[in-house]
Structures are given as C-alpha cells and as structure tokens.
C-alpha cells in the first residue's frame, strides 16, 4: 500500500505548505521543505529521528528542533499524520493524496501492516446516519501478534523499526 509520492504530488504539497506558512506568518525555510520532501519521498512510517538522520546522512544541515517543529506544522496543516502504535514513540506518514488505510501492529516485533477494507467506510457512513454525526476521519489500530513466529523473532532480534509489510 505504501509507495513514494509522485513528483506532481510533492510539488502540490509544497505549494499547500507554502500557502499555510504564509497565512500563519511562519518562515518558509528550505529545511522545512526538505522535511516535507523526506516524508513524501518515503514509503512508510518514519519517526522523527529517522527523518533527522536520513536528512543528515544525505548531507542536509538541519537540527532536530527544526524537524520536530516542522512536523508539528505539517500536522496542523493536514499534510502529515502522526501515529502511535502502542508505544511511547510517534511515527509520521503523509496524508495528502494517500488512500485512507488502517493498521495492524504486532505487539511482539512491532511490524505494522497497512490495510484498506471498504467495509470500514460503510460502517462509518452507517454510524453517521444512526447518530446524526459527520465523521471527518478515523484511525483504526488492531493489535496482536504475527502468525509467522520465526519471522517475528527475526524482526525482534534485528531491532527493525516499525515498517509496513504490505
């Protein structure tokens, strides 16, 4: 399900972010746009440190504070979603032009499986009708353990961070 955004999408989200920063009287720094680019060029969930180290390893001069502050701005303007998969750490993923999806998280190894099921949207619409309520979005996290215990143990030993198998 996760894949890199197209150049056209990246260009569009940069324009949306530029407009947002201007409206909020925030500075439009190259580093802020590089954080946005890093998220939209990735194909999964990243924590703030991964974003920071990916940028540092690519030769970008950016501070951790800039990464964290930019993530807050990107969440505020709706271009990035913050997820917490049952631990004390947040993960970030793009939200613009990205299919609504939900997550299954293994409590043992931390792997995240993204899935999309149209029945969830049907339930959402039914709940809106029954309760006279307008849903703007939802977040569904299903927690459990991998059936493939060997692969799960390998992921535990390797210390792999959360990633999508899909």
C-alpha atoms as a PDB file:
ATOM      1  CA  UNK A   1       0.000   0.000   0.000  1.00  0.00           C
ATOM      2  CA  UNK A   2       2.795   2.418   0.862  1.00  0.00           C
ATOM      3  CA  UNK A   3       4.686   3.892  -2.059  1.00  0.00           C
ATOM      4  CA  UNK A   4       6.562   7.077  -2.788  1.00  0.00           C
ATOM      5  CA  UNK A   5       4.531  10.107  -3.786  1.00  0.00           C
ATOM      6  CA  UNK A   6       4.800  11.338  -7.363  1.00  0.00           C
ATOM      7  CA  UNK A   7       6.783  14.469  -8.196  1.00  0.00           C
ATOM      8  CA  UNK A   8       3.491  16.150  -9.062  1.00  0.00           C
ATOM      9  CA  UNK A   9       2.102  15.375  -5.592  1.00  0.00           C
ATOM     10  CA  UNK A  10       5.298  16.573  -3.914  1.00  0.00           C
ATOM     11  CA  UNK A  11       5.145  19.842  -5.869  1.00  0.00           C
ATOM     12  CA  UNK A  12       1.483  20.303  -4.891  1.00  0.00           C
ATOM     13  CA  UNK A  13       2.041  19.642  -1.161  1.00  0.00           C
ATOM     14  CA  UNK A  14       4.945  22.105  -1.187  1.00  0.00           C
ATOM     15  CA  UNK A  15       2.592  24.759  -2.558  1.00  0.00           C
ATOM     16  CA  UNK A  16      -0.025  23.906   0.081  1.00  0.00           C
ATOM     17  CA  UNK A  17       2.640  24.128   2.800  1.00  0.00           C
ATOM     18  CA  UNK A  18       3.976  27.413   1.382  1.00  0.00           C
ATOM     19  CA  UNK A  19       0.469  28.914   1.495  1.00  0.00           C
ATOM     20  CA  UNK A  20      -0.081  27.617   5.025  1.00  0.00           C
ATOM     21  CA  UNK A  21       3.199  29.081   6.291  1.00  0.00           C
ATOM     22  CA  UNK A  22       2.397  32.420   4.676  1.00  0.00           C
ATOM     23  CA  UNK A  23      -1.087  32.515   6.255  1.00  0.00           C
ATOM     24  CA  UNK A  24       0.346  31.654   9.678  1.00  0.00           C
ATOM     25  CA  UNK A  25       3.172  34.196   9.248  1.00  0.00           C
ATOM     26  CA  UNK A  26       5.795  31.459   9.602  1.00  0.00           C
ATOM     27  CA  UNK A  27       9.163  31.466   7.857  1.00  0.00           C
ATOM     28  CA  UNK A  28       9.472  29.489   4.636  1.00  0.00           C
ATOM     29  CA  UNK A  29      12.884  27.920   5.152  1.00  0.00           C
ATOM     30  CA  UNK A  30      14.492  25.370   2.828  1.00  0.00           C
ATOM     31  CA  UNK A  31      14.886  22.991   5.786  1.00  0.00           C
ATOM     32  CA  UNK A  32      11.128  22.907   6.403  1.00  0.00           C
ATOM     33  CA  UNK A  33      10.507  21.973   2.799  1.00  0.00           C
ATOM     34  CA  UNK A  34      13.241  19.324   2.997  1.00  0.00           C
ATOM     35  CA  UNK A  35      11.447  17.692   5.941  1.00  0.00           C
ATOM     36  CA  UNK A  36       8.259  17.652   3.863  1.00  0.00           C
ATOM     37  CA  UNK A  37      10.196  16.181   0.918  1.00  0.00           C
ATOM     38  CA  UNK A  38      11.704  13.471   3.147  1.00  0.00           C
ATOM     39  CA  UNK A  39       8.279  12.322   4.337  1.00  0.00           C
ATOM     40  CA  UNK A  40       6.662  12.363   0.907  1.00  0.00           C
ATOM     41  CA  UNK A  41       9.639  10.598  -0.677  1.00  0.00           C
ATOM     42  CA  UNK A  42       9.476   7.739   1.811  1.00  0.00           C
ATOM     43  CA  UNK A  43       7.235   4.735   1.542  1.00  0.00           C
ATOM     44  CA  UNK A  44       6.142   4.138   5.087  1.00  0.00           C
ATOM     45  CA  UNK A  45       6.126   5.299   8.687  1.00  0.00           C
ATOM     46  CA  UNK A  46       9.069   7.309   9.975  1.00  0.00           C
ATOM     47  CA  UNK A  47       9.874   8.514  13.448  1.00  0.00           C
ATOM     48  CA  UNK A  48      11.363  11.980  13.925  1.00  0.00           C
ATOM     49  CA  UNK A  49      14.872  10.606  14.470  1.00  0.00           C
ATOM     50  CA  UNK A  50      14.719   8.594  11.240  1.00  0.00           C
ATOM     51  CA  UNK A  51      13.743  11.748   9.375  1.00  0.00           C
ATOM     52  CA  UNK A  52      16.558  13.666  11.066  1.00  0.00           C
ATOM     53  CA  UNK A  53      19.239  11.015  10.393  1.00  0.00           C
ATOM     54  CA  UNK A  54      18.065  10.406   6.797  1.00  0.00           C
ATOM     55  CA  UNK A  55      18.458  14.120   6.142  1.00  0.00           C
ATOM     56  CA  UNK A  56      21.833  14.324   7.933  1.00  0.00           C
ATOM     57  CA  UNK A  57      23.132  11.292   6.018  1.00  0.00           C
ATOM     58  CA  UNK A  58      22.062  12.953   2.774  1.00  0.00           C
ATOM     59  CA  UNK A  59      24.186  15.986   3.684  1.00  0.00           C
ATOM     60  CA  UNK A  60      21.360  18.284   4.763  1.00  0.00           C
ATOM     61  CA  UNK A  61      22.179  20.713   7.546  1.00  0.00           C
ATOM     62  CA  UNK A  62      19.131  20.505   9.781  1.00  0.00           C
ATOM     63  CA  UNK A  63      18.597  20.440  13.529  1.00  0.00           C
ATOM     64  CA  UNK A  64      16.399  18.051  15.475  1.00  0.00           C
ATOM     65  CA  UNK A  65      14.389  21.045  16.693  1.00  0.00           C
ATOM     66  CA  UNK A  66      13.659  22.052  13.092  1.00  0.00           C
ATOM     67  CA  UNK A  67      12.475  18.516  12.298  1.00  0.00           C
ATOM     68  CA  UNK A  68      10.157  18.394  15.334  1.00  0.00           C
ATOM     69  CA  UNK A  69       8.811  21.923  14.811  1.00  0.00           C
ATOM     70  CA  UNK A  70       8.223  21.264  11.111  1.00  0.00           C
ATOM     71  CA  UNK A  71       6.402  18.012  11.881  1.00  0.00           C
ATOM     72  CA  UNK A  72       4.032  19.958  14.152  1.00  0.00           C
ATOM     73  CA  UNK A  73       3.360  22.466  11.361  1.00  0.00           C
ATOM     74  CA  UNK A  74       2.798  19.699   8.804  1.00  0.00           C
ATOM     75  CA  UNK A  75       0.290  18.018  11.122  1.00  0.00           C
ATOM     76  CA  UNK A  76      -1.512  21.327  11.736  1.00  0.00           C
ATOM     77  CA  UNK A  77      -1.921  21.956   8.019  1.00  0.00           C
ATOM     78  CA  UNK A  78      -3.099  18.387   7.332  1.00  0.00           C
ATOM     79  CA  UNK A  79      -0.200  17.185   5.174  1.00  0.00           C
ATOM     80  CA  UNK A  80       1.141  14.646   7.688  1.00  0.00           C
ATOM     81  CA  UNK A  81      -0.483  12.297  10.184  1.00  0.00           C
ATOM     82  CA  UNK A  82       1.041  11.288  13.485  1.00  0.00           C
ATOM     83  CA  UNK A  83       0.500   7.692  14.611  1.00  0.00           C
ATOM     84  CA  UNK A  84       1.325   5.993  17.880  1.00  0.00           C
ATOM     85  CA  UNK A  85       1.460   2.244  17.544  1.00  0.00           C
ATOM     86  CA  UNK A  86       1.119   1.283  21.204  1.00  0.00           C
ATOM     87  CA  UNK A  87       4.487   2.568  22.338  1.00  0.00           C
ATOM     88  CA  UNK A  88       5.799   5.888  23.604  1.00  0.00           C
ATOM     89  CA  UNK A  89       7.031   6.920  20.188  1.00  0.00           C
ATOM     90  CA  UNK A  90       5.267   8.712  17.377  1.00  0.00           C
ATOM     91  CA  UNK A  91       5.537   7.785  13.720  1.00  0.00           C
ATOM     92  CA  UNK A  92       4.697  10.062  10.838  1.00  0.00           C
ATOM     93  CA  UNK A  93       3.223   9.390   7.421  1.00  0.00           C
ATOM     94  CA  UNK A  94       1.954  11.556   4.625  1.00  0.00           C
ATOM     95  CA  UNK A  95      -1.757  12.188   4.427  1.00  0.00           C
ATOM     96  CA  UNK A  96      -2.316  14.197   1.244  1.00  0.00           C
ATOM     97  CA  UNK A  97      -3.347  12.130  -1.820  1.00  0.00           C
ATOM     98  CA  UNK A  98      -2.822   8.986   0.231  1.00  0.00           C
ATOM     99  CA  UNK A  99      -5.502   6.319   0.438  1.00  0.00           C
ATOM    100  CA  UNK A 100      -7.311   6.063   3.776  1.00  0.00           C
ATOM    101  CA  UNK A 101      -5.977   2.973   5.483  1.00  0.00           C
ATOM    102  CA  UNK A 102      -5.734   1.321   8.852  1.00  0.00           C
ATOM    103  CA  UNK A 103      -3.027  -0.556  10.735  1.00  0.00           C
ATOM    104  CA  UNK A 104      -2.392  -3.951  12.341  1.00  0.00           C
ATOM    105  CA  UNK A 105       0.517  -3.882  14.789  1.00  0.00           C
ATOM    106  CA  UNK A 106       2.394  -6.875  16.190  1.00  0.00           C
ATOM    107  CA  UNK A 107       2.953  -6.384  19.921  1.00  0.00           C
ATOM    108  CA  UNK A 108       5.956  -8.725  19.845  1.00  0.00           C
ATOM    109  CA  UNK A 109       8.080  -7.407  16.942  1.00  0.00           C
ATOM    110  CA  UNK A 110       6.433  -4.058  16.187  1.00  0.00           C
ATOM    111  CA  UNK A 111       5.782  -4.667  12.497  1.00  0.00           C
ATOM    112  CA  UNK A 112       2.936  -2.597  11.064  1.00  0.00           C
ATOM    113  CA  UNK A 113       0.706  -3.954   8.324  1.00  0.00           C
ATOM    114  CA  UNK A 114      -1.363  -1.392   6.445  1.00  0.00           C
ATOM    115  CA  UNK A 115      -4.714  -2.478   5.103  1.00  0.00           C
ATOM    116  CA  UNK A 116      -7.750  -0.968   3.458  1.00  0.00           C
ATOM    117  CA  UNK A 117     -11.204  -2.501   3.694  1.00  0.00           C
ATOM    118  CA  UNK A 118     -14.192  -0.712   2.132  1.00  0.00           C
ATOM    119  CA  UNK A 119     -16.496  -2.173   4.784  1.00  0.00           C
ATOM    120  CA  UNK A 120     -14.952   0.202   7.325  1.00  0.00           C
ATOM    121  CA  UNK A 121     -16.154   3.162   5.243  1.00  0.00           C
ATOM    122  CA  UNK A 122     -19.605   1.561   5.071  1.00  0.00           C
ATOM    123  CA  UNK A 123     -19.652   1.251   8.882  1.00  0.00           C
ATOM    124  CA  UNK A 124     -18.515   4.870   9.182  1.00  0.00           C
ATOM    125  CA  UNK A 125     -21.364   6.052   6.935  1.00  0.00           C
ATOM    126  CA  UNK A 126     -23.874   3.937   8.871  1.00  0.00           C
ATOM    127  CA  UNK A 127     -22.674   5.414  12.193  1.00  0.00           C
ATOM    128  CA  UNK A 128     -23.009   8.930  10.748  1.00  0.00           C
ATOM    129  CA  UNK A 129     -26.600   8.198   9.784  1.00  0.00           C
ATOM    130  CA  UNK A 130     -27.581   6.470  13.029  1.00  0.00           C
ATOM    131  CA  UNK A 131     -26.027   9.113  15.270  1.00  0.00           C
ATOM    132  CA  UNK A 132     -26.632  12.187  13.080  1.00  0.00           C
ATOM    133  CA  UNK A 133     -22.896  12.867  13.084  1.00  0.00           C
ATOM    134  CA  UNK A 134     -20.369  13.963  10.450  1.00  0.00           C
ATOM    135  CA  UNK A 135     -17.129  11.966  10.603  1.00  0.00           C
ATOM    136  CA  UNK A 136     -14.065  13.866   9.335  1.00  0.00           C
ATOM    137  CA  UNK A 137     -11.693  10.932   9.603  1.00  0.00           C
ATOM    138  CA  UNK A 138     -10.822   7.904  11.637  1.00  0.00           C
ATOM    139  CA  UNK A 139      -7.903   5.937  12.968  1.00  0.00           C
ATOM    140  CA  UNK A 140      -8.052   2.183  13.485  1.00  0.00           C
ATOM    141  CA  UNK A 141      -5.199   0.218  15.048  1.00  0.00           C
ATOM    142  CA  UNK A 142      -5.559  -3.522  15.571  1.00  0.00           C
ATOM    143  CA  UNK A 143      -3.017  -5.041  17.974  1.00  0.00           C
ATOM    144  CA  UNK A 144      -1.986  -8.694  18.026  1.00  0.00           C
ATOM    145  CA  UNK A 145       0.911 -10.968  17.165  1.00  0.00           C
ATOM    146  CA  UNK A 146       2.341 -12.366  13.962  1.00  0.00           C
ATOM    147  CA  UNK A 147       1.309 -15.897  12.985  1.00  0.00           C
ATOM    148  CA  UNK A 148       4.766 -16.435  11.471  1.00  0.00           C
ATOM    149  CA  UNK A 149       6.636 -16.721  14.776  1.00  0.00           C
ATOM    150  CA  UNK A 150      10.033 -17.307  13.133  1.00  0.00           C
ATOM    151  CA  UNK A 151       9.848 -14.086  11.071  1.00  0.00           C
ATOM    152  CA  UNK A 152       8.587 -12.282  14.161  1.00  0.00           C
ATOM    153  CA  UNK A 153      11.564 -13.497  16.224  1.00  0.00           C
ATOM    154  CA  UNK A 154      13.968 -12.409  13.467  1.00  0.00           C
ATOM    155  CA  UNK A 155      12.470  -8.920  13.454  1.00  0.00           C
ATOM    156  CA  UNK A 156      12.770  -8.775  17.261  1.00  0.00           C
ATOM    157  CA  UNK A 157      16.460  -9.759  17.144  1.00  0.00           C
ATOM    158  CA  UNK A 158      17.324  -7.390  14.312  1.00  0.00           C
ATOM    159  CA  UNK A 159      15.749  -4.439  16.121  1.00  0.00           C
ATOM    160  CA  UNK A 160      13.967  -3.327  12.949  1.00  0.00           C
ATOM    161  CA  UNK A 161      11.806  -0.288  13.475  1.00  0.00           C
ATOM    162  CA  UNK A 162       8.157  -0.229  12.571  1.00  0.00           C
ATOM    163  CA  UNK A 163       7.586  -0.749   8.879  1.00  0.00           C
ATOM    164  CA  UNK A 164       4.902  -1.956   6.591  1.00  0.00           C
ATOM    165  CA  UNK A 165       4.923  -5.494   5.226  1.00  0.00           C
ATOM    166  CA  UNK A 166       2.356  -4.647   2.566  1.00  0.00           C
END
